[in-house]
Amino acid sequence: MISRSDYFAAKLAYETDPADLHAARTAGEQLVVVDVRSAQAWAQGRVTGALHMPHSEIATRASQEIAPDAEVVVYCWSPGCNGGTRGAAEFARLGYRVREMIGGFEYWAREGYPIEDADGIHHRPVDPLTGIPRIRTRP
């Protein structure tokens, strides 16, 4: 049986959240962030600098577009979908170091981190239920 501390350590090895992803990127960590949603969802907005690769295309595209030693973070829409989990499973099957961003794009946007769409980069207001507006800084 796995210990509680081992369980939670393993969980953190396979998951990240919007705040930790933003902090890692701000600190200069080299991460490939992959949006596994549909083209329609991608067009509505995405994590800045993300690569669009729907989970159904990972098996055929990943090795051509992402270095095999890259650290990958995948996300889908929200906690209410499992596309990010499917995407992470496929990257893992291909041998990539991969984590899933829990909360997905919904929480990235709700926490006020930069989002990108065809019109450029934007910040949505911080949702006080998910983030603390007075301490958020914008790069």
N, C-alpha and C. Protein backbone atom coordinates (compact mmCIF):
# COMPACT_ATOMS: atom_id res chain seq x y z
N MET A 1 0.84 -1.18 0.00
CA MET A 1 0.00 0.00 0.00
C MET A 1 0.89 1.25 0.00
N ILE A 2 0.48 2.23 -0.79
CA ILE A 2 1.24 3.48 -0.89
C ILE A 2 0.91 4.38 0.31
N SER A 3 1.92 5.05 0.82
CA SER A 3 1.69 5.96 1.95
C SER A 3 0.99 7.22 1.47
N ARG A 4 0.39 7.93 2.38
CA ARG A 4 -0.27 9.18 2.03
C ARG A 4 0.72 10.19 1.45
N SER A 5 1.88 10.29 2.07
CA SER A 5 2.86 11.26 1.57
C SER A 5 3.34 10.88 0.17
N ASP A 6 3.54 9.59 -0.09
CA ASP A 6 3.93 9.15 -1.43
C ASP A 6 2.83 9.42 -2.45
N TYR A 7 1.59 9.22 -2.04
CA TYR A 7 0.45 9.47 -2.94
C TYR A 7 0.44 10.93 -3.36
N PHE A 8 0.55 11.85 -2.39
CA PHE A 8 0.47 13.26 -2.72
C PHE A 8 1.70 13.74 -3.47
N ALA A 9 2.86 13.20 -3.17
CA ALA A 9 4.07 13.54 -3.92
C ALA A 9 3.92 13.10 -5.37
N ALA A 10 3.38 11.91 -5.58
CA ALA A 10 3.16 11.41 -6.94
C ALA A 10 2.13 12.29 -7.67
N LYS A 11 1.10 12.67 -6.98
CA LYS A 11 0.07 13.52 -7.59
C LYS A 11 0.68 14.83 -8.07
N LEU A 12 1.53 15.45 -7.26
CA LEU A 12 2.17 16.70 -7.66
C LEU A 12 3.15 16.51 -8.82
N ALA A 13 3.67 15.31 -8.99
CA ALA A 13 4.57 15.04 -10.10
C ALA A 13 3.81 14.99 -11.43
N TYR A 14 2.50 14.78 -11.37
CA TYR A 14 1.70 14.62 -12.59
C TYR A 14 0.70 15.74 -12.81
N GLU A 15 0.60 16.66 -11.87
CA GLU A 15 -0.34 17.77 -12.00
C GLU A 15 0.35 19.09 -11.68
N THR A 16 -0.21 20.14 -12.22
CA THR A 16 0.16 21.50 -11.86
C THR A 16 -1.14 22.31 -11.85
N ASP A 17 -1.07 23.54 -11.46
CA ASP A 17 -2.26 24.38 -11.50
C ASP A 17 -1.89 25.71 -12.15
N PRO A 18 -2.87 26.55 -12.44
CA PRO A 18 -2.56 27.81 -13.12
C PRO A 18 -1.52 28.67 -12.39
N ALA A 19 -1.61 28.79 -11.08
CA ALA A 19 -0.66 29.63 -10.35
C ALA A 19 0.76 29.08 -10.47
N ASP A 20 0.91 27.77 -10.31
CA ASP A 20 2.25 27.18 -10.41
C ASP A 20 2.80 27.24 -11.83
N LEU A 21 1.93 27.04 -12.82
CA LEU A 21 2.39 27.14 -14.21
C LEU A 21 2.82 28.57 -14.51
N HIS A 22 2.05 29.53 -14.11
CA HIS A 22 2.41 30.93 -14.34
C HIS A 22 3.74 31.26 -13.65
N ALA A 23 3.90 30.82 -12.41
CA ALA A 23 5.14 31.09 -11.68
C ALA A 23 6.34 30.42 -12.36
N ALA A 24 6.16 29.20 -12.83
CA ALA A 24 7.26 28.49 -13.50
C ALA A 24 7.66 29.20 -14.78
N ARG A 25 6.69 29.61 -15.55
CA ARG A 25 6.99 30.32 -16.80
C ARG A 25 7.64 31.67 -16.52
N THR A 26 7.16 32.38 -15.51
CA THR A 26 7.73 33.67 -15.14
C THR A 26 9.18 33.50 -14.70
N ALA A 27 9.48 32.37 -14.04
CA ALA A 27 10.84 32.08 -13.58
C ALA A 27 11.74 31.59 -14.72
N GLY A 28 11.18 31.43 -15.91
CA GLY A 28 11.98 31.04 -17.06
C GLY A 28 12.07 29.55 -17.33
N GLU A 29 11.27 28.76 -16.62
CA GLU A 29 11.30 27.32 -16.89
C GLU A 29 10.84 27.07 -18.31
N GLN A 30 11.52 26.17 -18.98
CA GLN A 30 11.19 25.83 -20.36
C GLN A 30 10.14 24.73 -20.37
N LEU A 31 8.91 25.12 -20.61
CA LEU A 31 7.77 24.20 -20.64
C LEU A 31 7.06 24.36 -21.97
N VAL A 32 6.59 23.25 -22.51
CA VAL A 32 5.74 23.29 -23.68
C VAL A 32 4.31 23.14 -23.18
N VAL A 33 3.53 24.20 -23.32
CA VAL A 33 2.14 24.19 -22.86
C VAL A 33 1.27 23.84 -24.06
N VAL A 34 0.46 22.80 -23.90
CA VAL A 34 -0.34 22.29 -25.01
C VAL A 34 -1.83 22.37 -24.67
N ASP A 35 -2.56 23.05 -25.52
CA ASP A 35 -4.02 23.14 -25.43
C ASP A 35 -4.59 22.00 -26.26
N VAL A 36 -5.31 21.10 -25.62
CA VAL A 36 -5.82 19.90 -26.31
C VAL A 36 -7.29 20.05 -26.72
N ARG A 37 -7.83 21.26 -26.65
CA ARG A 37 -9.24 21.49 -26.98
C ARG A 37 -9.46 21.57 -28.49
N SER A 38 -10.71 21.70 -28.86
CA SER A 38 -11.09 21.81 -30.27
C SER A 38 -10.63 23.15 -30.86
N ALA A 39 -10.69 23.25 -32.17
CA ALA A 39 -10.33 24.50 -32.85
C ALA A 39 -11.26 25.63 -32.44
N GLN A 40 -12.53 25.33 -32.21
CA GLN A 40 -13.48 26.36 -31.81
C GLN A 40 -13.14 26.90 -30.41
N ALA A 41 -12.80 26.02 -29.49
CA ALA A 41 -12.42 26.45 -28.15
C ALA A 41 -11.12 27.24 -28.18
N TRP A 42 -10.15 26.77 -28.96
CA TRP A 42 -8.87 27.47 -29.12
C TRP A 42 -9.10 28.91 -29.58
N ALA A 43 -9.99 29.09 -30.54
CA ALA A 43 -10.26 30.42 -31.08
C ALA A 43 -10.88 31.36 -30.05
N GLN A 44 -11.56 30.82 -29.05
CA GLN A 44 -12.17 31.65 -28.01
C GLN A 44 -11.14 32.22 -27.06
N GLY A 45 -9.96 31.65 -27.01
CA GLY A 45 -8.90 32.12 -26.13
C GLY A 45 -8.12 30.95 -25.59
N ARG A 46 -6.86 31.22 -25.22
CA ARG A 46 -5.96 30.16 -24.76
C ARG A 46 -4.88 30.76 -23.87
N VAL A 47 -4.17 29.89 -23.20
CA VAL A 47 -3.00 30.30 -22.41
C VAL A 47 -2.00 30.90 -23.39
N THR A 48 -1.45 32.06 -23.05
CA THR A 48 -0.49 32.70 -23.95
C THR A 48 0.67 31.76 -24.25
N GLY A 49 1.02 31.70 -25.51
CA GLY A 49 2.16 30.89 -25.93
C GLY A 49 1.89 29.40 -26.03
N ALA A 50 0.65 28.98 -25.82
CA ALA A 50 0.34 27.55 -25.89
C ALA A 50 0.38 27.07 -27.33
N LEU A 51 0.63 25.80 -27.47
CA LEU A 51 0.58 25.10 -28.75
C LEU A 51 -0.77 24.41 -28.85
N HIS A 52 -1.43 24.53 -29.98
CA HIS A 52 -2.73 23.87 -30.16
C HIS A 52 -2.51 22.48 -30.76
N MET A 53 -2.89 21.47 -30.01
CA MET A 53 -2.79 20.09 -30.47
C MET A 53 -3.93 19.29 -29.84
N PRO A 54 -5.08 19.22 -30.51
CA PRO A 54 -6.18 18.44 -29.95
C PRO A 54 -5.72 17.04 -29.55
N HIS A 55 -6.29 16.53 -28.46
CA HIS A 55 -5.80 15.24 -27.94
C HIS A 55 -5.86 14.13 -28.97
N SER A 56 -6.79 14.20 -29.91
CA SER A 56 -6.89 13.16 -30.95
C SER A 56 -5.75 13.23 -31.96
N GLU A 57 -4.97 14.31 -31.96
CA GLU A 57 -3.86 14.47 -32.91
C GLU A 57 -2.49 14.27 -32.28
N ILE A 58 -2.43 14.07 -30.98
CA ILE A 58 -1.14 13.97 -30.29
C ILE A 58 -0.29 12.83 -30.83
N ALA A 59 -0.88 11.67 -31.03
CA ALA A 59 -0.12 10.50 -31.48
C ALA A 59 0.58 10.76 -32.81
N THR A 60 -0.03 11.53 -33.70
CA THR A 60 0.57 11.75 -35.01
C THR A 60 1.43 13.01 -35.08
N ARG A 61 1.20 13.98 -34.21
CA ARG A 61 1.91 15.26 -34.31
C ARG A 61 3.02 15.46 -33.29
N ALA A 62 2.89 14.89 -32.12
CA ALA A 62 3.80 15.24 -31.02
C ALA A 62 5.27 15.08 -31.39
N SER A 63 5.64 13.94 -31.92
CA SER A 63 7.06 13.70 -32.18
C SER A 63 7.62 14.62 -33.27
N GLN A 64 6.76 15.17 -34.11
CA GLN A 64 7.20 16.08 -35.16
C GLN A 64 7.31 17.52 -34.67
N GLU A 65 6.58 17.86 -33.59
CA GLU A 65 6.52 19.25 -33.17
C GLU A 65 7.11 19.53 -31.79
N ILE A 66 7.32 18.50 -31.00
CA ILE A 66 7.81 18.69 -29.63
C ILE A 66 9.00 17.77 -29.38
N ALA A 67 10.09 18.34 -28.92
CA ALA A 67 11.30 17.54 -28.64
C ALA A 67 10.97 16.45 -27.61
N PRO A 68 11.56 15.27 -27.77
CA PRO A 68 11.24 14.16 -26.87
C PRO A 68 11.65 14.38 -25.41
N ASP A 69 12.58 15.30 -25.17
CA ASP A 69 13.01 15.57 -23.80
C ASP A 69 12.30 16.79 -23.19
N ALA A 70 11.32 17.34 -23.91
CA ALA A 70 10.60 18.52 -23.41
C ALA A 70 9.72 18.15 -22.23
N GLU A 71 9.55 19.12 -21.34
CA GLU A 71 8.57 18.97 -20.27
C GLU A 71 7.27 19.60 -20.78
N VAL A 72 6.21 18.81 -20.79
CA VAL A 72 4.94 19.21 -21.39
C VAL A 72 3.89 19.41 -20.30
N VAL A 73 3.10 20.46 -20.45
CA VAL A 73 1.94 20.70 -19.60
C VAL A 73 0.73 20.79 -20.52
N VAL A 74 -0.27 19.97 -20.27
CA VAL A 74 -1.48 19.98 -21.10
C VAL A 74 -2.65 20.54 -20.31
N TYR A 75 -3.60 21.09 -21.04
CA TYR A 75 -4.84 21.53 -20.40
C TYR A 75 -5.99 21.41 -21.39
N CYS A 76 -7.17 21.34 -20.83
CA CYS A 76 -8.41 21.35 -21.59
C CYS A 76 -9.22 22.53 -21.09
N TRP A 77 -10.54 22.45 -21.14
CA TRP A 77 -11.37 23.58 -20.77
C TRP A 77 -11.40 23.82 -19.27
N SER A 78 -11.80 22.81 -18.49
CA SER A 78 -12.07 23.05 -17.08
C SER A 78 -12.03 21.75 -16.29
N PRO A 79 -12.31 21.83 -15.00
CA PRO A 79 -12.40 20.60 -14.23
C PRO A 79 -13.55 19.71 -14.69
N GLY A 80 -14.45 20.26 -15.49
CA GLY A 80 -15.61 19.51 -15.94
C GLY A 80 -15.38 18.69 -17.19
N CYS A 81 -14.15 18.61 -17.67
CA CYS A 81 -13.88 17.77 -18.85
C CYS A 81 -12.61 16.96 -18.59
N ASN A 82 -12.47 15.89 -19.31
CA ASN A 82 -11.29 15.04 -19.12
C ASN A 82 -10.37 15.01 -20.34
N GLY A 83 -10.52 15.99 -21.22
CA GLY A 83 -9.64 16.06 -22.39
C GLY A 83 -8.18 16.24 -22.00
N GLY A 84 -7.91 17.01 -20.95
CA GLY A 84 -6.53 17.18 -20.49
C GLY A 84 -5.95 15.88 -20.00
N THR A 85 -6.76 15.09 -19.32
CA THR A 85 -6.30 13.78 -18.86
C THR A 85 -6.01 12.86 -20.04
N ARG A 86 -6.89 12.87 -21.03
CA ARG A 86 -6.65 12.06 -22.24
C ARG A 86 -5.37 12.51 -22.94
N GLY A 87 -5.18 13.82 -23.04
CA GLY A 87 -3.98 14.34 -23.67
C GLY A 87 -2.72 13.96 -22.89
N ALA A 88 -2.76 14.11 -21.57
CA ALA A 88 -1.61 13.74 -20.75
C ALA A 88 -1.30 12.25 -20.88
N ALA A 89 -2.34 11.43 -20.91
CA ALA A 89 -2.13 9.99 -21.05
C ALA A 89 -1.44 9.66 -22.37
N GLU A 90 -1.83 10.35 -23.42
CA GLU A 90 -1.22 10.10 -24.74
C GLU A 90 0.24 10.55 -24.76
N PHE A 91 0.52 11.74 -24.21
CA PHE A 91 1.92 12.18 -24.14
C PHE A 91 2.75 11.21 -23.30
N ALA A 92 2.21 10.75 -22.19
CA ALA A 92 2.92 9.79 -21.35
C ALA A 92 3.17 8.49 -22.10
N ARG A 93 2.20 8.03 -22.84
CA ARG A 93 2.35 6.80 -23.63
C ARG A 93 3.49 6.94 -24.64
N LEU A 94 3.67 8.15 -25.15
CA LEU A 94 4.73 8.43 -26.11
C LEU A 94 6.09 8.66 -25.45
N GLY A 95 6.13 8.66 -24.12
CA GLY A 95 7.39 8.80 -23.40
C GLY A 95 7.73 10.20 -22.94
N TYR A 96 6.82 11.15 -23.08
CA TYR A 96 7.09 12.52 -22.65
C TYR A 96 6.91 12.67 -21.14
N ARG A 97 7.68 13.61 -20.56
CA ARG A 97 7.42 14.06 -19.18
C ARG A 97 6.26 15.03 -19.29
N VAL A 98 5.14 14.69 -18.69
CA VAL A 98 3.94 15.48 -18.88
C VAL A 98 3.21 15.66 -17.57
N ARG A 99 2.60 16.84 -17.42
CA ARG A 99 1.71 17.12 -16.30
C ARG A 99 0.42 17.73 -16.86
N GLU A 100 -0.64 17.53 -16.14
CA GLU A 100 -1.92 18.13 -16.50
C GLU A 100 -2.15 19.36 -15.64
N MET A 101 -2.59 20.46 -16.27
CA MET A 101 -2.94 21.65 -15.50
C MET A 101 -4.38 21.50 -15.01
N ILE A 102 -4.51 21.25 -13.71
CA ILE A 102 -5.85 21.12 -13.15
C ILE A 102 -6.53 22.48 -13.18
N GLY A 103 -7.83 22.46 -13.36
CA GLY A 103 -8.59 23.70 -13.49
C GLY A 103 -8.73 24.14 -14.94
N GLY A 104 -7.76 23.72 -15.77
CA GLY A 104 -7.83 24.01 -17.19
C GLY A 104 -7.84 25.49 -17.52
N PHE A 105 -8.23 25.76 -18.77
CA PHE A 105 -8.28 27.14 -19.25
C PHE A 105 -9.24 27.98 -18.42
N GLU A 106 -10.32 27.39 -17.97
CA GLU A 106 -11.30 28.15 -17.18
C GLU A 106 -10.64 28.82 -15.98
N TYR A 107 -9.86 28.06 -15.22
CA TYR A 107 -9.24 28.64 -14.03
C TYR A 107 -8.06 29.51 -14.37
N TRP A 108 -7.35 29.23 -15.46
CA TRP A 108 -6.29 30.13 -15.91
C TRP A 108 -6.90 31.52 -16.14
N ALA A 109 -8.01 31.58 -16.87
CA ALA A 109 -8.65 32.86 -17.17
C ALA A 109 -9.27 33.48 -15.92
N ARG A 110 -9.92 32.68 -15.09
CA ARG A 110 -10.57 33.20 -13.89
C ARG A 110 -9.56 33.78 -12.90
N GLU A 111 -8.34 33.27 -12.91
CA GLU A 111 -7.32 33.78 -12.00
C GLU A 111 -6.60 34.99 -12.55
N GLY A 112 -6.99 35.44 -13.74
CA GLY A 112 -6.47 36.69 -14.28
C GLY A 112 -5.15 36.59 -15.03
N TYR A 113 -4.73 35.38 -15.36
CA TYR A 113 -3.48 35.24 -16.11
C TYR A 113 -3.70 35.59 -17.57
N PRO A 114 -2.64 35.93 -18.30
CA PRO A 114 -2.82 36.39 -19.67
C PRO A 114 -3.39 35.31 -20.58
N ILE A 115 -4.37 35.73 -21.37
CA ILE A 115 -4.95 34.86 -22.38
C ILE A 115 -4.73 35.48 -23.74
N GLU A 116 -4.71 34.65 -24.74
CA GLU A 116 -4.43 35.09 -26.10
C GLU A 116 -5.55 34.63 -27.01
N ASP A 117 -5.90 35.50 -27.97
CA ASP A 117 -6.83 35.12 -29.02
C ASP A 117 -6.41 35.86 -30.29
N ALA A 118 -7.24 35.85 -31.30
CA ALA A 118 -6.88 36.48 -32.58
C ALA A 118 -6.64 37.98 -32.45
N ASP A 119 -7.18 38.60 -31.40
CA ASP A 119 -7.01 40.04 -31.20
C ASP A 119 -5.79 40.40 -30.35
N GLY A 120 -5.06 39.40 -29.85
CA GLY A 120 -3.88 39.68 -29.05
C GLY A 120 -3.95 39.06 -27.66
N ILE A 121 -3.22 39.68 -26.74
CA ILE A 121 -3.13 39.18 -25.37
C ILE A 121 -4.00 40.06 -24.47
N HIS A 122 -4.77 39.42 -23.60
CA HIS A 122 -5.70 40.11 -22.72
C HIS A 122 -5.60 39.54 -21.31
N HIS A 123 -6.15 40.28 -20.36
CA HIS A 123 -6.33 39.81 -18.99
C HIS A 123 -7.79 39.98 -18.65
N ARG A 124 -8.40 38.93 -18.16
CA ARG A 124 -9.77 39.06 -17.66
C ARG A 124 -9.69 39.43 -16.20
N PRO A 125 -10.74 40.03 -15.68
CA PRO A 125 -10.73 40.36 -14.25
C PRO A 125 -10.56 39.10 -13.40
N VAL A 126 -9.83 39.22 -12.31
CA VAL A 126 -9.63 38.09 -11.42
C VAL A 126 -10.95 37.79 -10.70
N ASP A 127 -11.36 36.55 -10.75
CA ASP A 127 -12.56 36.10 -10.04
C ASP A 127 -12.20 36.00 -8.56
N PRO A 128 -12.86 36.73 -7.68
CA PRO A 128 -12.49 36.69 -6.26
C PRO A 128 -12.69 35.32 -5.61
N LEU A 129 -13.41 34.42 -6.27
CA LEU A 129 -13.58 33.07 -5.73
C LEU A 129 -12.39 32.17 -6.05
N THR A 130 -11.58 32.56 -7.03
CA THR A 130 -10.44 31.71 -7.42
C THR A 130 -9.10 32.38 -7.23
N GLY A 131 -9.06 33.69 -7.16
CA GLY A 131 -7.80 34.41 -7.02
C GLY A 131 -8.00 35.61 -6.13
N ILE A 132 -6.94 36.24 -5.79
CA ILE A 132 -6.99 37.42 -4.94
C ILE A 132 -6.51 38.60 -5.77
N PRO A 133 -7.45 39.43 -6.26
CA PRO A 133 -7.07 40.51 -7.17
C PRO A 133 -6.00 41.45 -6.63
N ARG A 134 -6.01 41.76 -5.35
CA ARG A 134 -5.09 42.77 -4.84
C ARG A 134 -3.64 42.31 -4.83
N ILE A 135 -3.38 41.01 -4.93
CA ILE A 135 -1.98 40.57 -4.92
C ILE A 135 -1.51 40.08 -6.30
N ARG A 136 -2.39 40.04 -7.28
CA ARG A 136 -2.00 39.61 -8.62
C ARG A 136 -1.17 40.69 -9.28
N THR A 137 -0.06 40.30 -9.85
CA THR A 137 0.72 41.23 -10.65
C THR A 137 0.66 40.77 -12.08
N ARG A 138 0.76 41.68 -12.95
CA ARG A 138 0.66 41.36 -14.38
C ARG A 138 2.00 41.61 -15.03
N PRO A 139 2.54 40.56 -15.64
CA PRO A 139 3.82 40.74 -16.31
C PRO A 139 3.71 41.61 -17.56
